[in-house]
C-alpha atoms as a PDB file:
ATOM      1  CA  MET A   1      -2.703  11.109  21.241  1.00  0.00           C
ATOM      2  CA  SER A   2      -5.973  12.629  22.434  1.00  0.00           C
ATOM      3  CA  SER A   3      -9.247  10.735  22.530  1.00  0.00           C
ATOM      4  CA  TYR A   4     -10.498  12.711  19.509  1.00  0.00           C
ATOM      5  CA  GLU A   5      -7.356  11.929  17.492  1.00  0.00           C
ATOM      6  CA  THR A   6      -7.664   8.244  18.391  1.00  0.00           C
ATOM      7  CA  LYS A   7     -11.303   8.181  17.237  1.00  0.00           C
ATOM      8  CA  LYS A   8     -10.359  10.024  14.057  1.00  0.00           C
ATOM      9  CA  GLU A   9      -7.605   7.501  13.260  1.00  0.00           C
ATOM     10  CA  ASN A  10      -9.942   4.592  14.057  1.00  0.00           C
ATOM     11  CA  THR A  11     -12.584   6.040  11.722  1.00  0.00           C
ATOM     12  CA  LYS A  12     -10.037   6.397   8.915  1.00  0.00           C
ATOM     13  CA  SER A  13      -8.866   2.836   9.529  1.00  0.00           C
ATOM     14  CA  TYR A  14     -12.440   1.472   9.415  1.00  0.00           C
ATOM     15  CA  LEU A  15     -13.130   3.387   6.200  1.00  0.00           C
ATOM     16  CA  LEU A  16      -9.921   2.128   4.613  1.00  0.00           C
ATOM     17  CA  GLU A  17     -10.708  -1.493   5.532  1.00  0.00           C
ATOM     18  CA  ALA A  18     -14.225  -1.063   4.134  1.00  0.00           C
ATOM     19  CA  LEU A  19     -12.821   0.421   0.928  1.00  0.00           C
ATOM     20  CA  VAL A  20     -10.527  -2.569   0.433  1.00  0.00           C
ATOM     21  CA  ASP A  21     -13.430  -4.985   0.956  1.00  0.00           C
ATOM     22  CA  LEU A  22     -15.829  -3.084  -1.310  1.00  0.00           C
ATOM     23  CA  LEU A  23     -13.390  -2.637  -4.202  1.00  0.00           C
ATOM     24  CA  LYS A  24     -12.958  -6.397  -4.397  1.00  0.00           C
ATOM     25  CA  GLU A  25     -16.505  -6.491  -5.773  1.00  0.00           C
ATOM     26  CA  THR A  26     -17.445  -2.957  -6.824  1.00  0.00           C
ATOM     27  CA  PRO A  27     -15.717  -0.686  -9.354  1.00  0.00           C
ATOM     28  CA  LEU A  28     -14.444   2.556  -7.851  1.00  0.00           C
ATOM     29  CA  SER A  29     -16.744   4.504 -10.171  1.00  0.00           C
ATOM     30  CA  GLN A  30     -19.781   2.830  -8.544  1.00  0.00           C
ATOM     31  CA  LEU A  31     -18.675   3.209  -4.937  1.00  0.00           C
ATOM     32  CA  THR A  32     -21.001   5.310  -2.762  1.00  0.00           C
ATOM     33  CA  VAL A  33     -20.596   7.008   0.590  1.00  0.00           C
ATOM     34  CA  SER A  34     -23.598   5.032   1.865  1.00  0.00           C
ATOM     35  CA  ALA A  35     -22.080   1.672   0.943  1.00  0.00           C
ATOM     36  CA  LEU A  36     -18.691   2.674   2.354  1.00  0.00           C
ATOM     37  CA  THR A  37     -20.000   3.971   5.685  1.00  0.00           C
ATOM     38  CA  ARG A  38     -22.385   1.036   6.081  1.00  0.00           C
ATOM     39  CA  LYS A  39     -19.514  -1.411   5.540  1.00  0.00           C
ATOM     40  CA  ALA A  40     -17.214   0.580   7.878  1.00  0.00           C
ATOM     41  CA  GLY A  41     -19.835   0.902  10.605  1.00  0.00           C
ATOM     42  CA  VAL A  42     -19.571   4.692  10.761  1.00  0.00           C
ATOM     43  CA  SER A  43     -22.221   7.302  10.099  1.00  0.00           C
ATOM     44  CA  ARG A  44     -22.377   9.361   6.922  1.00  0.00           C
ATOM     45  CA  GLY A  45     -22.123  12.445   9.123  1.00  0.00           C
ATOM     46  CA  THR A  46     -18.820  11.210  10.522  1.00  0.00           C
ATOM     47  CA  PHE A  47     -17.577  10.561   6.987  1.00  0.00           C
ATOM     48  CA  TYR A  48     -18.477  14.115   5.939  1.00  0.00           C
ATOM     49  CA  LEU A  49     -16.600  15.541   8.934  1.00  0.00           C
ATOM     50  CA  HIS A  50     -13.410  14.267   7.302  1.00  0.00           C
ATOM     51  CA  TYR A  51     -14.103  14.220   3.537  1.00  0.00           C
ATOM     52  CA  LEU A  52     -16.124  16.197   0.992  1.00  0.00           C
ATOM     53  CA  ASP A  53     -17.220  13.139  -0.963  1.00  0.00           C
ATOM     54  CA  ILE A  54     -16.029   9.716  -2.087  1.00  0.00           C
ATOM     55  CA  ASN A  55     -13.575  11.257  -4.567  1.00  0.00           C
ATOM     56  CA  ASP A  56     -12.012  13.373  -1.815  1.00  0.00           C
ATOM     57  CA  PHE A  57     -11.677  10.247   0.348  1.00  0.00           C
ATOM     58  CA  ILE A  58      -9.919   8.296  -2.426  1.00  0.00           C
ATOM     59  CA  LYS A  59      -7.726  11.263  -3.347  1.00  0.00           C
ATOM     60  CA  THR A  60      -6.700  11.697   0.311  1.00  0.00           C
ATOM     61  CA  ILE A  61      -5.675   8.038   0.568  1.00  0.00           C
ATOM     62  CA  GLU A  62      -3.710   8.175  -2.670  1.00  0.00           C
ATOM     63  CA  GLU A  63      -2.016  11.464  -1.795  1.00  0.00           C
ATOM     64  CA  ASN A  64      -0.998  10.123   1.616  1.00  0.00           C
ATOM     65  CA  LEU A  65       0.510   6.994   0.040  1.00  0.00           C
ATOM     66  CA  PHE A  66       2.545   9.010  -2.457  1.00  0.00           C
ATOM     67  CA  LEU A  67       3.496  11.638   0.120  1.00  0.00           C
ATOM     68  CA  VAL A  68       5.152   8.984   2.282  1.00  0.00           C
ATOM     69  CA  ILE A  69       6.981   7.559  -0.742  1.00  0.00           C
ATOM     70  CA  GLU A  70       8.188  10.954  -1.938  1.00  0.00           C
ATOM     71  CA  GLU A  71       9.263  12.105   1.535  1.00  0.00           C
ATOM     72  CA  ASN A  72      11.248   8.927   2.081  1.00  0.00           C
ATOM     73  CA  LEU A  73      12.910   9.000  -1.326  1.00  0.00           C
ATOM     74  CA  GLN A  74      14.074  12.623  -1.237  1.00  0.00           C
ATOM     75  CA  ASP A  75      17.419  11.695   0.270  1.00  0.00           C
ATOM     76  CA  ASP A  76      19.416  10.722  -2.823  1.00  0.00           C
ATOM     77  CA  LEU A  77      22.449   9.934  -0.670  1.00  0.00           C
ATOM     78  CA  PHE A  78      20.599   7.106   1.068  1.00  0.00           C
ATOM     79  CA  TYR A  79      18.886   5.813  -2.079  1.00  0.00           C
ATOM     80  CA  ASP A  80      21.821   6.247  -4.433  1.00  0.00           C
ATOM     81  CA  SER A  81      20.320   4.319  -7.310  1.00  0.00           C
ATOM     82  CA  GLY A  82      17.073   3.511  -9.021  1.00  0.00           C
ATOM     83  CA  LEU A  83      17.356   0.020  -7.557  1.00  0.00           C
ATOM     84  CA  GLY A  84      17.637   1.397  -4.010  1.00  0.00           C
ATOM     85  CA  LYS A  85      14.513   3.462  -4.578  1.00  0.00           C
ATOM     86  CA  LEU A  86      12.729   0.511  -6.137  1.00  0.00           C
ATOM     87  CA  ARG A  87      13.628  -1.629  -3.104  1.00  0.00           C
ATOM     88  CA  TYR A  88      12.068   0.975  -0.820  1.00  0.00           C
ATOM     89  CA  LEU A  89       8.964   1.239  -3.012  1.00  0.00           C
ATOM     90  CA  ILE A  90       8.404  -2.532  -3.125  1.00  0.00           C
ATOM     91  CA  ALA A  91       8.852  -2.798   0.676  1.00  0.00           C
ATOM     92  CA  TYR A  92       6.379   0.074   1.140  1.00  0.00           C
ATOM     93  CA  VAL A  93       3.895  -1.574  -1.210  1.00  0.00           C
ATOM     94  CA  GLU A  94       4.240  -4.803   0.785  1.00  0.00           C
ATOM     95  CA  LYS A  95       3.515  -2.906   4.016  1.00  0.00           C
ATOM     96  CA  ASN A  96       0.379  -1.398   2.397  1.00  0.00           C
ATOM     97  CA  TYR A  97      -0.303  -4.358   0.126  1.00  0.00           C
ATOM     98  CA  ALA A  98      -4.098  -4.500   0.411  1.00  0.00           C
ATOM     99  CA  ILE A  99      -4.704  -0.853  -0.495  1.00  0.00           C
ATOM    100  CA  PHE A 100      -2.178  -0.858  -3.373  1.00  0.00           C
ATOM    101  CA  GLN A 101      -3.631  -4.116  -4.686  1.00  0.00           C
ATOM    102  CA  ILE A 102      -7.134  -2.658  -4.692  1.00  0.00           C
ATOM    103  CA  LEU A 103      -6.236   0.765  -6.102  1.00  0.00           C
ATOM    104  CA  ILE A 104      -4.274  -0.813  -8.959  1.00  0.00           C
ATOM    105  CA  GLY A 105      -6.652  -3.734  -9.503  1.00  0.00           C
ATOM    106  CA  LYS A 106      -9.485  -4.091 -11.998  1.00  0.00           C
ATOM    107  CA  ASN A 107     -11.858  -2.026  -9.852  1.00  0.00           C
ATOM    108  CA  GLY A 108      -9.233   0.534  -8.877  1.00  0.00           C
ATOM    109  CA  ASP A 109      -8.136   3.966 -10.012  1.00  0.00           C
ATOM    110  CA  LYS A 110      -6.368   4.190 -13.388  1.00  0.00           C
ATOM    111  CA  ASN A 111      -4.897   7.590 -12.422  1.00  0.00           C
ATOM    112  CA  PHE A 112      -3.287   6.054  -9.318  1.00  0.00           C
ATOM    113  CA  GLU A 113      -1.950   3.222 -11.430  1.00  0.00           C
ATOM    114  CA  GLN A 114      -0.453   5.666 -13.954  1.00  0.00           C
ATOM    115  CA  ARG A 115       1.117   7.701 -11.175  1.00  0.00           C
ATOM    116  CA  LEU A 116       2.809   4.568  -9.831  1.00  0.00           C
ATOM    117  CA  ILE A 117       4.047   3.688 -13.333  1.00  0.00           C
ATOM    118  CA  ASP A 118       5.439   7.219 -13.727  1.00  0.00           C
ATOM    119  CA  LEU A 119       7.221   6.916 -10.369  1.00  0.00           C
ATOM    120  CA  ILE A 120       8.837   3.622 -11.381  1.00  0.00           C
ATOM    121  CA  LYS A 121       9.834   5.202 -14.692  1.00  0.00           C
ATOM    122  CA  GLN A 122      11.607   7.994 -12.765  1.00  0.00           C
ATOM    123  CA  PHE A 123      13.686   5.395 -10.910  1.00  0.00           C
ATOM    124  CA  ILE A 124      14.748   3.791 -14.173  1.00  0.00           C
ATOM    125  CA  VAL A 125      15.346   6.864 -16.328  1.00  0.00           C
ATOM    126  CA  GLY A 126      18.240   7.999 -14.167  1.00  0.00           C
ATOM    127  CA  ASN A 127      20.077   4.765 -14.905  1.00  0.00           C
ATOM    128  CA  ILE A 128      19.844   4.870 -18.684  1.00  0.00           C
ATOM    129  CA  ASP A 129      22.939   6.226 -20.360  1.00  0.00           C
ATOM    130  CA  LYS A 130      21.612   9.288 -22.180  1.00  0.00           C
ATOM    131  CA  ASN A 131      24.358   9.327 -24.793  1.00  0.00           C
ATOM    132  CA  ASN A 132      24.290   5.689 -25.755  1.00  0.00           C
ATOM    133  CA  GLN A 133      21.848   3.924 -28.059  1.00  0.00           C
ATOM    134  CA  HIS A 134      22.160   0.346 -26.792  1.00  0.00           C
ATOM    135  CA  PHE A 135      22.008  -1.956 -29.809  1.00  0.00           C
ATOM    136  CA  ASN A 136      20.443   0.922 -31.746  1.00  0.00           C
ATOM    137  CA  ILE A 137      17.332   0.832 -29.565  1.00  0.00           C
ATOM    138  CA  PRO A 138      16.010   4.319 -28.790  1.00  0.00           C
ATOM    139  CA  LYS A 139      16.064   5.361 -25.139  1.00  0.00           C
ATOM    140  CA  ASP A 140      12.251   5.692 -24.976  1.00  0.00           C
ATOM    141  CA  TYR A 141      11.822   2.065 -25.988  1.00  0.00           C
ATOM    142  CA  ILE A 142      14.337   0.896 -23.399  1.00  0.00           C
ATOM    143  CA  LEU A 143      12.643   2.986 -20.717  1.00  0.00           C
ATOM    144  CA  ASP A 144       9.163   1.661 -21.548  1.00  0.00           C
ATOM    145  CA  LEU A 145      10.378  -1.933 -21.779  1.00  0.00           C
ATOM    146  CA  LEU A 146      12.105  -1.795 -18.393  1.00  0.00           C
ATOM    147  CA  THR A 147       9.292   0.133 -16.700  1.00  0.00           C
ATOM    148  CA  MET A 148       6.475  -2.063 -17.933  1.00  0.00           C
ATOM    149  CA  SER A 149       8.353  -5.264 -17.122  1.00  0.00           C
ATOM    150  CA  VAL A 150       8.710  -4.092 -13.500  1.00  0.00           C
ATOM    151  CA  VAL A 151       5.039  -3.057 -13.457  1.00  0.00           C
ATOM    152  CA  SER A 152       4.067  -6.441 -14.894  1.00  0.00           C
ATOM    153  CA  ILE A 153       5.925  -8.201 -12.076  1.00  0.00           C
ATOM    154  CA  ILE A 154       4.011  -6.066  -9.552  1.00  0.00           C
ATOM    155  CA  TYR A 155       0.690  -6.956 -11.257  1.00  0.00           C
ATOM    156  CA  THR A 156       1.574 -10.645 -11.069  1.00  0.00           C
ATOM    157  CA  TRP A 157       2.448 -10.206  -7.386  1.00  0.00           C
ATOM    158  CA  PHE A 158      -0.979  -8.715  -6.751  1.00  0.00           C
ATOM    159  CA  ASP A 159      -2.644 -11.689  -8.472  1.00  0.00           C
ATOM    160  CA  GLU A 160      -0.949 -14.305  -6.283  1.00  0.00           C
ATOM    161  CA  GLU A 161      -3.110 -16.126  -3.756  1.00  0.00           C
ATOM    162  CA  THR A 162      -0.169 -16.258  -1.371  1.00  0.00           C
ATOM    163  CA  PRO A 163       1.863 -13.129  -2.126  1.00  0.00           C
ATOM    164  CA  ARG A 164       5.632 -13.351  -2.130  1.00  0.00           C
ATOM    165  CA  THR A 165       7.690 -11.123   0.152  1.00  0.00           C
ATOM    166  CA  SER A 166       9.044  -7.803  -1.052  1.00  0.00           C
ATOM    167  CA  GLN A 167      12.547  -9.321  -1.060  1.00  0.00           C
ATOM    168  CA  GLU A 168      11.388 -12.133  -3.345  1.00  0.00           C
ATOM    169  CA  ILE A 169       9.840  -9.563  -5.702  1.00  0.00           C
ATOM    170  CA  ILE A 170      13.047  -7.516  -5.765  1.00  0.00           C
ATOM    171  CA  ASP A 171      15.023 -10.709  -6.487  1.00  0.00           C
ATOM    172  CA  ILE A 172      12.693 -11.483  -9.402  1.00  0.00           C
ATOM    173  CA  ILE A 173      13.041  -7.934 -10.725  1.00  0.00           C
ATOM    174  CA  ILE A 174      16.846  -8.097 -10.502  1.00  0.00           C
ATOM    175  CA  LYS A 175      17.089 -11.550 -12.103  1.00  0.00           C
ATOM    176  CA  THR A 176      14.820 -10.534 -14.974  1.00  0.00           C
ATOM    177  CA  ARG A 177      17.034  -7.502 -15.646  1.00  0.00           C
ATOM    178  CA  PHE A 178      20.053  -9.722 -16.289  1.00  0.00           C
ATOM    179  CA  LEU A 179      18.449 -12.557 -18.233  1.00  0.00           C
ATOM    180  CA  SER A 180      17.188 -12.220 -21.767  1.00  0.00           C
ATOM    181  CA  PRO A 181      13.607 -13.222 -22.596  1.00  0.00           C
ATOM    182  CA  VAL A 182      15.040 -16.192 -24.490  1.00  0.00           C
ATOM    183  CA  GLU A 183      16.965 -17.305 -21.385  1.00  0.00           C
ATOM    184  CA  LEU A 184      13.868 -16.839 -19.212  1.00  0.00           C
ATOM    185  CA  ILE A 185      11.857 -19.317 -21.292  1.00  0.00           C
ATOM    186  CA  GLY A 186      14.784 -21.741 -21.574  1.00  0.00           C
ATOM    187  CA  GLU A 187      15.242 -21.525 -25.345  1.00  0.00           C
ATOM    188  CA  LYS A 188      18.531 -21.457 -27.194  1.00  0.00           C
ATOM    189  CA  VAL A 189      18.696 -19.192 -30.192  1.00  0.00           C
ATOM    190  CA  ASN A 190      21.543 -18.646 -32.600  1.00  0.00           C
ATOM    191  CA  VAL A 191      21.694 -15.052 -33.735  1.00  0.00           C
END
């Protein structure tokens, strides 16, 4: 890697670290280039060499995150199931935990959050039997229930002071797929 490429990567890293710190306190909609560059210790001029504005910076980060996910999940032979893809996604989120936590958090980007939800939904939809109405529940309801329960587990993970490992999160997701809500709260119900 050339000296220029190293500096460029360092600048991006500093900006990303600054973004994570700033979004803990400041909503994305109020983030400015000045605040970001000041926190990162880089000049505004350097920022504008790489990005058009703050929106371009955020969009670039988000696109890069999803590009890696999509490139790695294209091989359906390796990830033969929605669960295999979900395992990869959760491990990738763990590797990039701070940026995912911030982009999905209260000060984050709702569009990014929705895109992640849609991706999880894609993993699940392939596993729902299209010709079967389980217990007379429409497919859309099943899909939303399963998707949002996985998303809810991810939200809870992001709220933990000491985050669990990706394997622990996958174990929780799997266990909650096989237990009913009644079993999860320890109640016994006669139907």
